PDB file of all heavy atoms in Angstrom:
ATOM      1  N   VAL A   1     -96.858  55.886-122.689  1.00  0.00           N
ATOM      2  CA  VAL A   1     -96.097  54.812-121.976  1.00  0.00           C
ATOM      3  C   VAL A   1     -94.770  55.334-121.602  1.00  0.00           C
ATOM      4  O   VAL A   1     -93.768  55.384-122.426  1.00  0.00           O
ATOM      5  CB  VAL A   1     -95.900  53.640-122.925  1.00  0.00           C
ATOM      6  CG1 VAL A   1     -95.094  52.541-122.278  1.00  0.00           C
ATOM      7  CG2 VAL A   1     -97.208  53.187-123.558  1.00  0.00           C
ATOM      8  N   PRO A   2     -94.618  55.865-120.337  1.00  0.00           N
ATOM      9  CA  PRO A   2     -93.381  56.453-119.974  1.00  0.00           C
ATOM     10  C   PRO A   2     -92.319  55.299-119.705  1.00  0.00           C
ATOM     11  O   PRO A   2     -92.675  54.200-119.388  1.00  0.00           O
ATOM     12  CB  PRO A   2     -93.662  57.139-118.626  1.00  0.00           C
ATOM     13  CG  PRO A   2     -94.876  56.468-118.125  1.00  0.00           C
ATOM     14  CD  PRO A   2     -95.628  55.976-119.330  1.00  0.00           C
ATOM     15  N   VAL A   3     -91.031  55.523-119.943  1.00  0.00           N
ATOM     16  CA  VAL A   3     -90.059  54.586-119.641  1.00  0.00           C
ATOM     17  C   VAL A   3     -90.039  54.305-118.165  1.00  0.00           C
ATOM     18  O   VAL A   3     -90.055  55.242-117.294  1.00  0.00           O
ATOM     19  CB  VAL A   3     -88.622  55.078-120.201  1.00  0.00           C
ATOM     20  CG1 VAL A   3     -88.137  56.298-119.511  1.00  0.00           C
ATOM     21  CG2 VAL A   3     -87.618  53.934-120.171  1.00  0.00           C
ATOM     22  N   LYS A   4     -89.691  53.130-117.761  1.00  0.00           N
ATOM     23  CA  LYS A   4     -89.587  52.768-116.346  1.00  0.00           C
ATOM     24  C   LYS A   4     -88.191  53.005-115.945  1.00  0.00           C
ATOM     25  O   LYS A   4     -87.803  53.348-114.925  1.00  0.00           O
ATOM     26  CB  LYS A   4     -90.077  51.439-116.041  1.00  0.00           C
ATOM     27  CG  LYS A   4     -91.522  51.183-116.294  1.00  0.00           C
ATOM     28  CD  LYS A   4     -92.015  49.815-115.887  1.00  0.00           C
ATOM     29  CE  LYS A   4     -93.394  49.557-116.107  1.00  0.00           C
ATOM     30  NZ  LYS A   4     -94.324  50.392-115.441  1.00  0.00           N
ATOM     31  N   GLN A   5     -87.230  52.509-116.786  1.00  0.00           N
ATOM     32  CA  GLN A   5     -85.800  52.665-116.492  1.00  0.00           C
ATOM     33  C   GLN A   5     -85.056  52.506-117.820  1.00  0.00           C
ATOM     34  O   GLN A   5     -85.370  51.737-118.678  1.00  0.00           O
ATOM     35  CB  GLN A   5     -85.395  51.503-115.553  1.00  0.00           C
ATOM     36  CG  GLN A   5     -83.987  51.643-115.098  1.00  0.00           C
ATOM     37  CD  GLN A   5     -83.611  50.654-114.006  1.00  0.00           C
ATOM     38  OE1 GLN A   5     -84.440  50.140-113.290  1.00  0.00           O
ATOM     39  NE2 GLN A   5     -82.310  50.530-113.787  1.00  0.00           N
ATOM     40  N   ILE A   6     -83.878  53.231-117.854  1.00  0.00           N
ATOM     41  CA  ILE A   6     -82.914  53.091-118.959  1.00  0.00           C
ATOM     42  C   ILE A   6     -81.606  52.871-118.347  1.00  0.00           C
ATOM     43  O   ILE A   6     -81.098  53.384-117.480  1.00  0.00           O
ATOM     44  CB  ILE A   6     -82.888  54.457-119.829  1.00  0.00           C
ATOM     45  CG1 ILE A   6     -84.257  54.791-120.449  1.00  0.00           C
ATOM     46  CG2 ILE A   6     -81.804  54.345-120.890  1.00  0.00           C
ATOM     47  CD1 ILE A   6     -84.217  56.058-121.276  1.00  0.00           C
ATOM     48  N   GLU A   7     -80.962  51.807-118.893  1.00  0.00           N
ATOM     49  CA  GLU A   7     -79.610  51.340-118.560  1.00  0.00           C
ATOM     50  C   GLU A   7     -78.713  51.782-119.655  1.00  0.00           C
ATOM     51  O   GLU A   7     -79.018  51.550-120.890  1.00  0.00           O
ATOM     52  CB  GLU A   7     -79.609  49.829-118.279  1.00  0.00           C
ATOM     53  CG  GLU A   7     -80.228  49.301-117.145  1.00  0.00           C
ATOM     54  CD  GLU A   7     -79.774  49.852-115.778  1.00  0.00           C
ATOM     55  OE1 GLU A   7     -78.485  50.042-115.746  1.00  0.00           O
ATOM     56  OE2 GLU A   7     -80.589  49.985-114.865  1.00  0.00           O
ATOM     57  N   GLY A   8     -77.625  52.435-119.290  1.00  0.00           N
ATOM     58  CA  GLY A   8     -76.741  52.940-120.252  1.00  0.00           C
ATOM     59  C   GLY A   8     -76.854  54.481-120.465  1.00  0.00           C
ATOM     60  O   GLY A   8     -77.932  55.002-120.073  1.00  0.00           O
ATOM     61  N   ASN A   9     -75.876  55.182-120.866  1.00  0.00           N
ATOM     62  CA  ASN A   9     -75.942  56.601-120.998  1.00  0.00           C
ATOM     63  C   ASN A   9     -75.626  56.999-122.370  1.00  0.00           C
ATOM     64  O   ASN A   9     -75.568  56.155-123.299  1.00  0.00           O
ATOM     65  CB  ASN A   9     -74.964  57.346-119.991  1.00  0.00           C
ATOM     66  CG  ASN A   9     -73.578  56.885-120.171  1.00  0.00           C
ATOM     67  OD1 ASN A   9     -73.090  56.627-121.294  1.00  0.00           O
ATOM     68  ND2 ASN A   9     -72.833  56.795-119.138  1.00  0.00           N
ATOM     69  N   ARG A  10     -75.523  58.292-122.662  1.00  0.00           N
ATOM     70  CA  ARG A  10     -75.379  58.787-124.076  1.00  0.00           C
ATOM     71  C   ARG A  10     -74.100  58.322-124.756  1.00  0.00           C
ATOM     72  O   ARG A  10     -74.058  58.258-125.956  1.00  0.00           O
ATOM     73  CB  ARG A  10     -75.400  60.268-124.038  1.00  0.00           C
ATOM     74  CG  ARG A  10     -76.771  60.857-123.537  1.00  0.00           C
ATOM     75  CD  ARG A  10     -77.400  61.662-124.623  1.00  0.00           C
ATOM     76  NE  ARG A  10     -78.827  62.055-124.260  1.00  0.00           N
ATOM     77  CZ  ARG A  10     -79.884  61.796-124.867  1.00  0.00           C
ATOM     78  NH1 ARG A  10     -79.778  61.102-125.951  1.00  0.00           N
ATOM     79  NH2 ARG A  10     -80.977  62.207-124.439  1.00  0.00           N
ATOM     80  N   SER A  11     -73.082  57.851-123.882  1.00  0.00           N
ATOM     81  CA  SER A  11     -71.924  57.343-124.582  1.00  0.00           C
ATOM     82  C   SER A  11     -71.863  55.761-124.635  1.00  0.00           C
ATOM     83  O   SER A  11     -70.874  55.197-125.088  1.00  0.00           O
ATOM     84  CB  SER A  11     -70.742  57.925-123.892  1.00  0.00           C
ATOM     85  OG  SER A  11     -70.666  57.540-122.517  1.00  0.00           O
ATOM     86  N   SER A  12     -72.914  55.198-124.129  1.00  0.00           N
ATOM     87  CA  SER A  12     -72.890  53.705-124.145  1.00  0.00           C
ATOM     88  C   SER A  12     -73.164  53.127-125.490  1.00  0.00           C
ATOM     89  O   SER A  12     -73.865  53.694-126.267  1.00  0.00           O
ATOM     90  CB  SER A  12     -74.089  53.190-123.291  1.00  0.00           C
ATOM     91  OG  SER A  12     -73.743  53.583-121.844  1.00  0.00           O
ATOM     92  N   SER A  13     -72.624  51.924-125.744  1.00  0.00           N
ATOM     93  CA  SER A  13     -72.806  51.182-126.989  1.00  0.00           C
ATOM     94  C   SER A  13     -73.937  50.164-126.896  1.00  0.00           C
ATOM     95  O   SER A  13     -74.138  49.345-127.752  1.00  0.00           O
ATOM     96  CB  SER A  13     -71.468  50.649-127.473  1.00  0.00           C
ATOM     97  OG  SER A  13     -71.022  49.778-126.440  1.00  0.00           O
ATOM     98  N   TRP A  14     -74.506  50.110-125.749  1.00  0.00           N
ATOM     99  CA  TRP A  14     -75.723  49.212-125.598  1.00  0.00           C
ATOM    100  C   TRP A  14     -76.569  49.974-124.539  1.00  0.00           C
ATOM    101  O   TRP A  14     -76.248  50.204-123.516  1.00  0.00           O
ATOM    102  CB  TRP A  14     -75.333  47.798-125.024  1.00  0.00           C
ATOM    103  CG  TRP A  14     -76.493  46.964-124.658  1.00  0.00           C
ATOM    104  CD1 TRP A  14     -77.797  47.103-124.996  1.00  0.00           C
ATOM    105  CD2 TRP A  14     -76.431  45.720-123.923  1.00  0.00           C
ATOM    106  NE1 TRP A  14     -78.551  46.096-124.549  1.00  0.00           N
ATOM    107  CE2 TRP A  14     -77.677  45.206-123.904  1.00  0.00           C
ATOM    108  CE3 TRP A  14     -75.404  44.994-123.421  1.00  0.00           C
ATOM    109  CZ2 TRP A  14     -77.960  44.017-123.304  1.00  0.00           C
ATOM    110  CZ3 TRP A  14     -75.771  43.773-122.727  1.00  0.00           C
ATOM    111  CH2 TRP A  14     -76.982  43.255-122.742  1.00  0.00           C
ATOM    112  N   LEU A  15     -77.799  50.250-125.044  1.00  0.00           N
ATOM    113  CA  LEU A  15     -78.841  50.862-124.134  1.00  0.00           C
ATOM    114  C   LEU A  15     -80.029  49.882-123.915  1.00  0.00           C
ATOM    115  O   LEU A  15     -80.475  49.176-124.807  1.00  0.00           O
ATOM    116  CB  LEU A  15     -79.424  52.045-124.871  1.00  0.00           C
ATOM    117  CG  LEU A  15     -78.383  53.308-124.983  1.00  0.00           C
ATOM    118  CD1 LEU A  15     -79.078  54.288-126.029  1.00  0.00           C
ATOM    119  CD2 LEU A  15     -77.904  53.763-123.853  1.00  0.00           C
ATOM    120  N   LEU A  16     -80.474  49.755-122.742  1.00  0.00           N
ATOM    121  CA  LEU A  16     -81.640  48.930-122.473  1.00  0.00           C
ATOM    122  C   LEU A  16     -82.710  49.930-121.934  1.00  0.00           C
ATOM    123  O   LEU A  16     -82.508  50.684-121.067  1.00  0.00           O
ATOM    124  CB  LEU A  16     -81.352  47.927-121.358  1.00  0.00           C
ATOM    125  CG  LEU A  16     -82.403  46.942-120.961  1.00  0.00           C
ATOM    126  CD1 LEU A  16     -81.860  45.656-120.462  1.00  0.00           C
ATOM    127  CD2 LEU A  16     -83.256  47.475-119.830  1.00  0.00           C
ATOM    128  N   MET A  17     -83.837  49.836-122.558  1.00  0.00           N
ATOM    129  CA  MET A  17     -84.963  50.746-122.307  1.00  0.00           C
ATOM    130  C   MET A  17     -86.127  49.873-121.868  1.00  0.00           C
ATOM    131  O   MET A  17     -86.803  49.070-122.652  1.00  0.00           O
ATOM    132  CB  MET A  17     -85.275  51.544-123.523  1.00  0.00           C
ATOM    133  CG  MET A  17     -84.237  52.288-123.953  1.00  0.00           C
ATOM    134  SD  MET A  17     -84.485  53.124-125.679  1.00  0.00           S
ATOM    135  CE  MET A  17     -85.613  54.449-125.105  1.00  0.00           C
ATOM    136  N   ASP A  18     -86.482  49.921-120.518  1.00  0.00           N
ATOM    137  CA  ASP A  18     -87.488  49.113-119.913  1.00  0.00           C
ATOM    138  C   ASP A  18     -88.918  49.842-119.946  1.00  0.00           C
ATOM    139  O   ASP A  18     -88.959  50.819-119.230  1.00  0.00           O
ATOM    140  CB  ASP A  18     -87.070  48.721-118.614  1.00  0.00           C
ATOM    141  CG  ASP A  18     -88.124  47.793-117.890  1.00  0.00           C
ATOM    142  OD1 ASP A  18     -89.227  47.540-118.456  1.00  0.00           O
ATOM    143  OD2 ASP A  18     -87.825  47.297-116.875  1.00  0.00           O
ATOM    144  N   TYR A  19     -89.799  49.314-120.641  1.00  0.00           N
ATOM    145  CA  TYR A  19     -91.155  49.927-120.675  1.00  0.00           C
ATOM    146  C   TYR A  19     -92.246  49.015-120.012  1.00  0.00           C
ATOM    147  O   TYR A  19     -93.370  49.085-120.246  1.00  0.00           O
ATOM    148  CB  TYR A  19     -91.636  50.263-122.063  1.00  0.00           C
ATOM    149  CG  TYR A  19     -90.807  51.458-122.630  1.00  0.00           C
ATOM    150  CD1 TYR A  19     -89.769  51.077-123.339  1.00  0.00           C
ATOM    151  CD2 TYR A  19     -91.154  52.643-122.428  1.00  0.00           C
ATOM    152  CE1 TYR A  19     -88.893  52.264-123.877  1.00  0.00           C
ATOM    153  CE2 TYR A  19     -90.462  53.763-122.891  1.00  0.00           C
ATOM    154  CZ  TYR A  19     -89.320  53.463-123.681  1.00  0.00           C
ATOM    155  OH  TYR A  19     -88.511  54.564-124.181  1.00  0.00           O
ATOM    156  N   GLY A  20     -91.678  48.030-119.175  1.00  0.00           N
ATOM    157  CA  GLY A  20     -92.707  47.152-118.548  1.00  0.00           C
ATOM    158  C   GLY A  20     -92.995  46.015-119.407  1.00  0.00           C
ATOM    159  O   GLY A  20     -92.302  44.868-119.278  1.00  0.00           O
ATOM    160  N   ASP A  21     -93.865  46.047-120.200  1.00  0.00           N
ATOM    161  CA  ASP A  21     -94.280  45.012-121.078  1.00  0.00           C
ATOM    162  C   ASP A  21     -93.374  44.673-122.316  1.00  0.00           C
ATOM    163  O   ASP A  21     -93.337  43.677-122.937  1.00  0.00           O
ATOM    164  CB  ASP A  21     -95.673  45.214-121.681  1.00  0.00           C
ATOM    165  CG  ASP A  21     -96.808  45.047-120.589  1.00  0.00           C
ATOM    166  OD1 ASP A  21     -96.424  44.489-119.544  1.00  0.00           O
ATOM    167  OD2 ASP A  21     -97.822  45.709-120.746  1.00  0.00           O
ATOM    168  N   ILE A  22     -92.587  45.707-122.645  1.00  0.00           N
ATOM    169  CA  ILE A  22     -91.458  45.535-123.640  1.00  0.00           C
ATOM    170  C   ILE A  22     -90.137  46.030-123.262  1.00  0.00           C
ATOM    171  O   ILE A  22     -90.146  46.961-122.341  1.00  0.00           O
ATOM    172  CB  ILE A  22     -91.849  46.142-125.101  1.00  0.00           C
ATOM    173  CG1 ILE A  22     -91.785  47.605-124.966  1.00  0.00           C
ATOM    174  CG2 ILE A  22     -93.231  45.674-125.526  1.00  0.00           C
ATOM    175  CD1 ILE A  22     -91.765  48.344-126.330  1.00  0.00           C
ATOM    176  N   ILE A  23     -89.173  45.436-123.720  1.00  0.00           N
ATOM    177  CA  ILE A  23     -87.756  45.949-123.364  1.00  0.00           C
ATOM    178  C   ILE A  23     -87.108  46.152-124.713  1.00  0.00           C
ATOM    179  O   ILE A  23     -87.006  45.229-125.580  1.00  0.00           O
ATOM    180  CB  ILE A  23     -86.915  44.924-122.602  1.00  0.00           C
ATOM    181  CG1 ILE A  23     -87.640  44.791-121.196  1.00  0.00           C
ATOM    182  CG2 ILE A  23     -85.520  45.464-122.359  1.00  0.00           C
ATOM    183  CD1 ILE A  23     -87.111  43.795-120.293  1.00  0.00           C
ATOM    184  N   VAL A  24     -86.645  47.350-124.914  1.00  0.00           N
ATOM    185  CA  VAL A  24     -85.895  47.698-126.170  1.00  0.00           C
ATOM    186  C   VAL A  24     -84.439  47.744-125.960  1.00  0.00           C
ATOM    187  O   VAL A  24     -83.889  48.376-124.936  1.00  0.00           O
ATOM    188  CB  VAL A  24     -86.328  49.089-126.626  1.00  0.00           C
ATOM    189  CG1 VAL A  24     -85.642  49.562-127.919  1.00  0.00           C
ATOM    190  CG2 VAL A  24     -87.910  49.150-126.849  1.00  0.00           C
ATOM    191  N   HIS A  25     -83.744  46.977-126.825  1.00  0.00           N
ATOM    192  CA  HIS A  25     -82.252  46.998-126.654  1.00  0.00           C
ATOM    193  C   HIS A  25     -81.701  47.730-127.949  1.00  0.00           C
ATOM    194  O   HIS A  25     -82.004  47.283-129.105  1.00  0.00           O
ATOM    195  CB  HIS A  25     -81.748  45.513-126.730  1.00  0.00           C
ATOM    196  CG  HIS A  25     -82.273  44.712-125.554  1.00  0.00           C
ATOM    197  ND1 HIS A  25     -81.500  44.542-124.395  1.00  0.00           N
ATOM    198  CD2 HIS A  25     -83.236  43.923-125.414  1.00  0.00           C
ATOM    199  CE1 HIS A  25     -82.126  43.843-123.610  1.00  0.00           C
ATOM    200  NE2 HIS A  25     -83.275  43.456-124.151  1.00  0.00           N
ATOM    201  N   VAL A  26     -80.837  48.685-127.635  1.00  0.00           N
ATOM    202  CA  VAL A  26     -80.237  49.387-128.884  1.00  0.00           C
ATOM    203  C   VAL A  26     -78.744  49.252-128.740  1.00  0.00           C
ATOM    204  O   VAL A  26     -78.162  49.571-127.639  1.00  0.00           O
ATOM    205  CB  VAL A  26     -80.612  50.914-128.837  1.00  0.00           C
ATOM    206  CG1 VAL A  26     -79.906  51.639-129.982  1.00  0.00           C
ATOM    207  CG2 VAL A  26     -82.130  51.007-129.034  1.00  0.00           C
ATOM    208  N   PHE A  27     -78.042  48.611-129.681  1.00  0.00           N
ATOM    209  CA  PHE A  27     -76.662  48.274-129.737  1.00  0.00           C
ATOM    210  C   PHE A  27     -75.873  49.083-130.754  1.00  0.00           C
ATOM    211  O   PHE A  27     -76.415  49.497-131.738  1.00  0.00           O
ATOM    212  CB  PHE A  27     -76.571  46.822-129.970  1.00  0.00           C
ATOM    213  CG  PHE A  27     -76.897  45.816-128.992  1.00  0.00           C
ATOM    214  CD1 PHE A  27     -78.131  45.248-128.959  1.00  0.00           C
ATOM    215  CD2 PHE A  27     -76.039  45.544-127.984  1.00  0.00           C
ATOM    216  CE1 PHE A  27     -78.596  44.365-128.152  1.00  0.00           C
ATOM    217  CE2 PHE A  27     -76.431  44.487-126.952  1.00  0.00           C
ATOM    218  CZ  PHE A  27     -77.690  44.023-127.050  1.00  0.00           C
ATOM    219  N   SER A  28     -74.540  48.976-130.513  1.00  0.00           N
ATOM    220  CA  SER A  28     -73.646  49.144-131.605  1.00  0.00           C
ATOM    221  C   SER A  28     -73.619  47.873-132.293  1.00  0.00           C
ATOM    222  O   SER A  28     -73.868  46.847-131.720  1.00  0.00           O
ATOM    223  CB  SER A  28     -72.229  49.640-131.048  1.00  0.00           C
ATOM    224  OG  SER A  28     -71.604  48.554-130.410  1.00  0.00           O
ATOM    225  N   LYS A  29     -73.107  47.861-133.543  1.00  0.00           N
ATOM    226  CA  LYS A  29     -73.080  46.572-134.265  1.00  0.00           C
ATOM    227  C   LYS A  29     -72.147  45.517-133.520  1.00  0.00           C
ATOM    228  O   LYS A  29     -72.474  44.379-133.498  1.00  0.00           O
ATOM    229  CB  LYS A  29     -72.606  46.797-135.723  1.00  0.00           C
ATOM    230  CG  LYS A  29     -72.679  45.638-136.687  1.00  0.00           C
ATOM    231  CD  LYS A  29     -72.407  46.079-138.020  1.00  0.00           C
ATOM    232  CE  LYS A  29     -73.253  45.332-138.975  1.00  0.00           C
ATOM    233  NZ  LYS A  29     -73.424  45.958-140.334  1.00  0.00           N
ATOM    234  N   GLU A  30     -70.996  46.082-133.047  1.00  0.00           N
ATOM    235  CA  GLU A  30     -69.977  45.163-132.393  1.00  0.00           C
ATOM    236  C   GLU A  30     -70.593  44.536-131.182  1.00  0.00           C
ATOM    237  O   GLU A  30     -70.456  43.313-130.891  1.00  0.00           O
ATOM    238  CB  GLU A  30     -68.714  45.864-132.117  1.00  0.00           C
ATOM    239  CG  GLU A  30     -67.976  46.386-133.411  1.00  0.00           C
ATOM    240  CD  GLU A  30     -68.588  47.602-133.896  1.00  0.00           C
ATOM    241  OE1 GLU A  30     -69.401  48.518-133.307  1.00  0.00           O
ATOM    242  OE2 GLU A  30     -68.277  47.925-135.169  1.00  0.00           O
ATOM    243  N   ASP A  31     -71.273  45.351-130.334  1.00  0.00           N
ATOM    244  CA  ASP A  31     -71.783  44.804-129.074  1.00  0.00           C
ATOM    245  C   ASP A  31     -72.892  44.036-129.291  1.00  0.00           C
ATOM    246  O   ASP A  31     -73.144  42.946-128.577  1.00  0.00           O
ATOM    247  CB  ASP A  31     -72.238  46.055-128.176  1.00  0.00           C
ATOM    248  CG  ASP A  31     -71.085  46.592-127.418  1.00  0.00           C
ATOM    249  OD1 ASP A  31     -69.885  46.111-127.549  1.00  0.00           O
ATOM    250  OD2 ASP A  31     -71.325  47.559-126.608  1.00  0.00           O
ATOM    251  N   ARG A  32     -73.661  44.157-130.426  1.00  0.00           N
ATOM    252  CA  ARG A  32     -74.767  43.320-130.675  1.00  0.00           C
ATOM    253  C   ARG A  32     -74.275  41.852-131.034  1.00  0.00           C
ATOM    254  O   ARG A  32     -74.832  40.803-130.542  1.00  0.00           O
ATOM    255  CB  ARG A  32     -75.641  43.897-131.812  1.00  0.00           C
ATOM    256  CG  ARG A  32     -76.924  42.934-132.047  1.00  0.00           C
ATOM    257  CD  ARG A  32     -77.723  43.568-132.963  1.00  0.00           C
ATOM    258  NE  ARG A  32     -78.987  42.722-133.231  1.00  0.00           N
ATOM    259  CZ  ARG A  32     -79.977  43.042-134.018  1.00  0.00           C
ATOM    260  NH1 ARG A  32     -80.011  44.310-134.543  1.00  0.00           N
ATOM    261  NH2 ARG A  32     -81.017  42.235-134.060  1.00  0.00           N
TER     262      ARG A  32
END
């Protein structure tokens, strides 16, 4: 399952990873 799109970069405190049927959100605690 390759990623379709990633929003945010290595220094971002919120990353959105779009795999089509699922979306993964990775946050810093504060941003969450």
